[in-house]
Amino acid sequence: MAARRLVALPRHRPVDIDIHEIPANPAKGEPTHWHADFHFACWAEESRISIQPEEIVAFAWLPSADLSTSRLAASVAAI
């Protein structure tokens, strides 16, 4: 993420951790394995974003009520 100023919220720890199984990918030589997504809440003055396209399927700024799971939405809303 590219921003003039990026500030982690006071908790300094993930607001959610999503652990899920990734299927084998023979093209990349990867066996089935577990993957963890650590979700952090931050505040940014700008919304100019630099992503790694081969790793990102979609990107959006969302209000907490529109987050992917009710657990994540509740964690962010509580901050």
N, C-alpha and C. Protein backbone atom coordinates (compact mmCIF):
# COMPACT_ATOMS: atom_id res chain seq x y z
N MET A 1 0.85 -1.16 0.00
CA MET A 1 0.00 0.00 0.00
C MET A 1 0.89 1.22 0.00
N ALA A 2 0.65 2.11 -0.90
CA ALA A 2 1.41 3.35 -0.96
C ALA A 2 0.54 4.47 -0.41
N ALA A 3 1.00 5.14 0.60
CA ALA A 3 0.26 6.25 1.18
C ALA A 3 1.24 7.23 1.79
N ARG A 4 0.86 8.50 1.83
CA ARG A 4 1.73 9.48 2.48
C ARG A 4 1.86 9.17 3.97
N ARG A 5 0.79 8.70 4.55
CA ARG A 5 0.81 8.42 5.98
C ARG A 5 -0.08 7.22 6.24
N LEU A 6 0.46 6.21 6.87
CA LEU A 6 -0.29 5.01 7.20
C LEU A 6 -0.12 4.77 8.70
N VAL A 7 -1.20 4.70 9.42
CA VAL A 7 -1.14 4.57 10.87
C VAL A 7 -1.88 3.31 11.31
N ALA A 8 -1.18 2.39 11.97
CA ALA A 8 -1.83 1.21 12.52
C ALA A 8 -2.69 1.64 13.70
N LEU A 9 -3.82 1.02 13.84
CA LEU A 9 -4.69 1.36 14.96
C LEU A 9 -4.09 0.84 16.26
N PRO A 10 -4.49 1.39 17.39
CA PRO A 10 -3.80 1.15 18.67
C PRO A 10 -3.57 -0.29 19.09
N ARG A 11 -4.37 -1.21 18.61
CA ARG A 11 -4.21 -2.58 19.09
C ARG A 11 -2.92 -3.23 18.60
N HIS A 12 -2.36 -2.79 17.48
CA HIS A 12 -1.09 -3.33 16.93
C HIS A 12 -1.09 -4.85 16.80
N ARG A 13 -2.24 -5.41 16.53
CA ARG A 13 -2.33 -6.85 16.29
C ARG A 13 -3.44 -7.07 15.27
N PRO A 14 -3.46 -8.22 14.63
CA PRO A 14 -4.51 -8.45 13.62
C PRO A 14 -5.90 -8.35 14.23
N VAL A 15 -6.85 -7.84 13.42
CA VAL A 15 -8.24 -7.83 13.86
C VAL A 15 -8.91 -9.15 13.51
N ASP A 16 -8.25 -9.95 12.66
CA ASP A 16 -8.80 -11.24 12.27
C ASP A 16 -7.69 -12.06 11.63
N ILE A 17 -7.75 -13.37 11.79
CA ILE A 17 -6.84 -14.29 11.10
C ILE A 17 -7.70 -15.35 10.45
N ASP A 18 -7.60 -15.44 9.13
CA ASP A 18 -8.37 -16.43 8.36
C ASP A 18 -7.41 -17.53 7.92
N ILE A 19 -7.61 -18.75 8.40
CA ILE A 19 -6.76 -19.89 8.05
C ILE A 19 -7.58 -20.84 7.18
N HIS A 20 -7.05 -21.14 6.00
CA HIS A 20 -7.78 -21.99 5.06
C HIS A 20 -6.82 -22.84 4.25
N GLU A 21 -7.36 -23.94 3.73
CA GLU A 21 -6.57 -24.88 2.95
C GLU A 21 -6.48 -24.42 1.49
N ILE A 22 -5.29 -24.50 0.94
CA ILE A 22 -5.04 -24.17 -0.47
C ILE A 22 -4.82 -25.50 -1.21
N PRO A 23 -5.56 -25.73 -2.29
CA PRO A 23 -5.37 -26.98 -3.03
C PRO A 23 -4.00 -27.03 -3.70
N ALA A 24 -3.57 -28.22 -4.01
CA ALA A 24 -2.29 -28.40 -4.72
C ALA A 24 -2.32 -27.65 -6.04
N ASN A 25 -1.16 -27.12 -6.42
CA ASN A 25 -1.02 -26.43 -7.70
C ASN A 25 0.19 -27.01 -8.41
N PRO A 26 -0.01 -28.05 -9.21
CA PRO A 26 1.12 -28.70 -9.88
C PRO A 26 1.91 -27.75 -10.78
N ALA A 27 1.25 -26.76 -11.37
CA ALA A 27 1.94 -25.81 -12.25
C ALA A 27 3.00 -25.02 -11.49
N LYS A 28 2.77 -24.79 -10.20
CA LYS A 28 3.74 -24.07 -9.36
C LYS A 28 4.57 -25.02 -8.50
N GLY A 29 4.31 -26.32 -8.62
CA GLY A 29 5.02 -27.29 -7.80
C GLY A 29 4.65 -27.23 -6.33
N GLU A 30 3.42 -26.80 -6.05
CA GLU A 30 2.99 -26.65 -4.66
C GLU A 30 2.03 -27.77 -4.26
N PRO A 31 2.27 -28.42 -3.14
CA PRO A 31 1.32 -29.41 -2.63
C PRO A 31 0.15 -28.68 -1.95
N THR A 32 -0.88 -29.44 -1.59
CA THR A 32 -1.94 -28.88 -0.76
C THR A 32 -1.30 -28.36 0.52
N HIS A 33 -1.71 -27.17 0.95
CA HIS A 33 -1.11 -26.59 2.15
C HIS A 33 -2.08 -25.61 2.81
N TRP A 34 -1.77 -25.24 4.03
CA TRP A 34 -2.58 -24.28 4.78
C TRP A 34 -2.04 -22.87 4.54
N HIS A 35 -2.95 -21.90 4.49
CA HIS A 35 -2.59 -20.50 4.25
C HIS A 35 -3.27 -19.65 5.33
N ALA A 36 -2.57 -18.66 5.81
CA ALA A 36 -3.14 -17.75 6.82
C ALA A 36 -3.15 -16.33 6.27
N ASP A 37 -4.31 -15.69 6.31
CA ASP A 37 -4.45 -14.27 5.98
C ASP A 37 -4.60 -13.51 7.29
N PHE A 38 -3.67 -12.59 7.54
CA PHE A 38 -3.73 -11.74 8.72
C PHE A 38 -4.35 -10.41 8.31
N HIS A 39 -5.46 -10.05 8.92
CA HIS A 39 -6.16 -8.81 8.59
C HIS A 39 -5.86 -7.76 9.65
N PHE A 40 -5.30 -6.63 9.22
CA PHE A 40 -5.00 -5.51 10.10
C PHE A 40 -5.88 -4.33 9.71
N ALA A 41 -6.27 -3.52 10.67
CA ALA A 41 -7.02 -2.30 10.39
C ALA A 41 -6.06 -1.13 10.48
N CYS A 42 -6.08 -0.29 9.46
CA CYS A 42 -5.21 0.89 9.41
C CYS A 42 -6.00 2.07 8.89
N TRP A 43 -5.48 3.24 9.13
CA TRP A 43 -6.04 4.47 8.60
C TRP A 43 -5.01 5.06 7.66
N ALA A 44 -5.43 5.50 6.47
CA ALA A 44 -4.52 6.08 5.48
C ALA A 44 -5.08 7.40 4.98
N GLU A 45 -4.20 8.39 4.80
CA GLU A 45 -4.64 9.68 4.26
C GLU A 45 -4.97 9.58 2.78
N GLU A 46 -4.31 8.70 2.05
CA GLU A 46 -4.54 8.53 0.62
C GLU A 46 -5.00 7.12 0.35
N SER A 47 -5.66 6.92 -0.78
CA SER A 47 -6.09 5.57 -1.13
C SER A 47 -5.36 5.04 -2.36
N ARG A 48 -4.20 5.57 -2.70
CA ARG A 48 -3.39 5.08 -3.81
C ARG A 48 -2.76 3.76 -3.37
N ILE A 49 -3.05 2.69 -4.07
CA ILE A 49 -2.65 1.36 -3.64
C ILE A 49 -1.75 0.71 -4.69
N SER A 50 -0.70 0.03 -4.24
CA SER A 50 0.14 -0.79 -5.11
C SER A 50 -0.04 -2.23 -4.67
N ILE A 51 -0.50 -3.08 -5.59
CA ILE A 51 -0.74 -4.48 -5.24
C ILE A 51 0.14 -5.40 -6.08
N GLN A 52 0.23 -6.63 -5.66
CA GLN A 52 0.95 -7.68 -6.38
C GLN A 52 -0.12 -8.44 -7.18
N PRO A 53 -0.30 -8.11 -8.47
CA PRO A 53 -1.43 -8.64 -9.23
C PRO A 53 -1.55 -10.16 -9.26
N GLU A 54 -0.44 -10.87 -9.23
CA GLU A 54 -0.52 -12.33 -9.27
C GLU A 54 -1.01 -12.92 -7.95
N GLU A 55 -1.08 -12.13 -6.90
CA GLU A 55 -1.53 -12.60 -5.58
C GLU A 55 -2.91 -12.05 -5.19
N ILE A 56 -3.38 -11.02 -5.89
CA ILE A 56 -4.62 -10.34 -5.50
C ILE A 56 -5.69 -10.57 -6.55
N VAL A 57 -6.86 -11.02 -6.12
CA VAL A 57 -7.98 -11.24 -7.02
C VAL A 57 -8.85 -9.99 -7.08
N ALA A 58 -9.01 -9.31 -5.94
CA ALA A 58 -9.84 -8.11 -5.87
C ALA A 58 -9.35 -7.21 -4.74
N PHE A 59 -9.62 -5.93 -4.85
CA PHE A 59 -9.25 -4.97 -3.82
C PHE A 59 -10.33 -3.90 -3.73
N ALA A 60 -10.67 -3.47 -2.51
CA ALA A 60 -11.66 -2.41 -2.32
C ALA A 60 -11.55 -1.85 -0.91
N TRP A 61 -11.84 -0.55 -0.77
CA TRP A 61 -12.04 0.04 0.56
C TRP A 61 -13.50 -0.22 0.91
N LEU A 62 -13.77 -0.77 2.08
CA LEU A 62 -15.14 -1.13 2.46
C LEU A 62 -15.48 -0.62 3.85
N PRO A 63 -16.75 -0.26 4.07
CA PRO A 63 -17.19 0.00 5.44
C PRO A 63 -17.23 -1.33 6.20
N SER A 64 -17.08 -1.29 7.50
CA SER A 64 -17.00 -2.54 8.27
C SER A 64 -18.20 -3.45 8.06
N ALA A 65 -19.38 -2.90 7.87
CA ALA A 65 -20.58 -3.73 7.69
C ALA A 65 -20.53 -4.56 6.41
N ASP A 66 -19.68 -4.16 5.45
CA ASP A 66 -19.60 -4.87 4.17
C ASP A 66 -18.42 -5.84 4.08
N LEU A 67 -17.75 -6.11 5.19
CA LEU A 67 -16.59 -7.01 5.16
C LEU A 67 -17.04 -8.45 4.95
N SER A 68 -16.10 -9.31 4.56
CA SER A 68 -16.42 -10.65 4.08
C SER A 68 -17.06 -11.59 5.10
N THR A 69 -16.77 -11.42 6.38
CA THR A 69 -17.39 -12.28 7.39
C THR A 69 -17.93 -11.43 8.53
N SER A 70 -18.93 -11.93 9.22
CA SER A 70 -19.48 -11.19 10.34
C SER A 70 -18.45 -11.06 11.46
N ARG A 71 -17.56 -12.07 11.61
CA ARG A 71 -16.51 -12.02 12.64
C ARG A 71 -15.56 -10.85 12.36
N LEU A 72 -15.13 -10.71 11.09
CA LEU A 72 -14.24 -9.62 10.71
C LEU A 72 -14.95 -8.28 10.85
N ALA A 73 -16.18 -8.18 10.40
CA ALA A 73 -16.94 -6.93 10.52
C ALA A 73 -17.08 -6.51 11.98
N ALA A 74 -17.37 -7.46 12.86
CA ALA A 74 -17.51 -7.13 14.29
C ALA A 74 -16.19 -6.69 14.89
N SER A 75 -15.08 -7.33 14.50
CA SER A 75 -13.76 -6.96 15.03
C SER A 75 -13.38 -5.55 14.63
N VAL A 76 -13.63 -5.19 13.37
CA VAL A 76 -13.28 -3.85 12.88
C VAL A 76 -14.23 -2.81 13.50
N ALA A 77 -15.50 -3.12 13.58
CA ALA A 77 -16.48 -2.19 14.15
C ALA A 77 -16.18 -1.88 15.61
N ALA A 78 -15.56 -2.82 16.32
CA ALA A 78 -15.27 -2.64 17.76
C ALA A 78 -14.08 -1.71 18.01
N ILE A 79 -13.33 -1.39 16.98
CA ILE A 79 -12.13 -0.55 17.16
C ILE A 79 -12.50 0.89 17.41
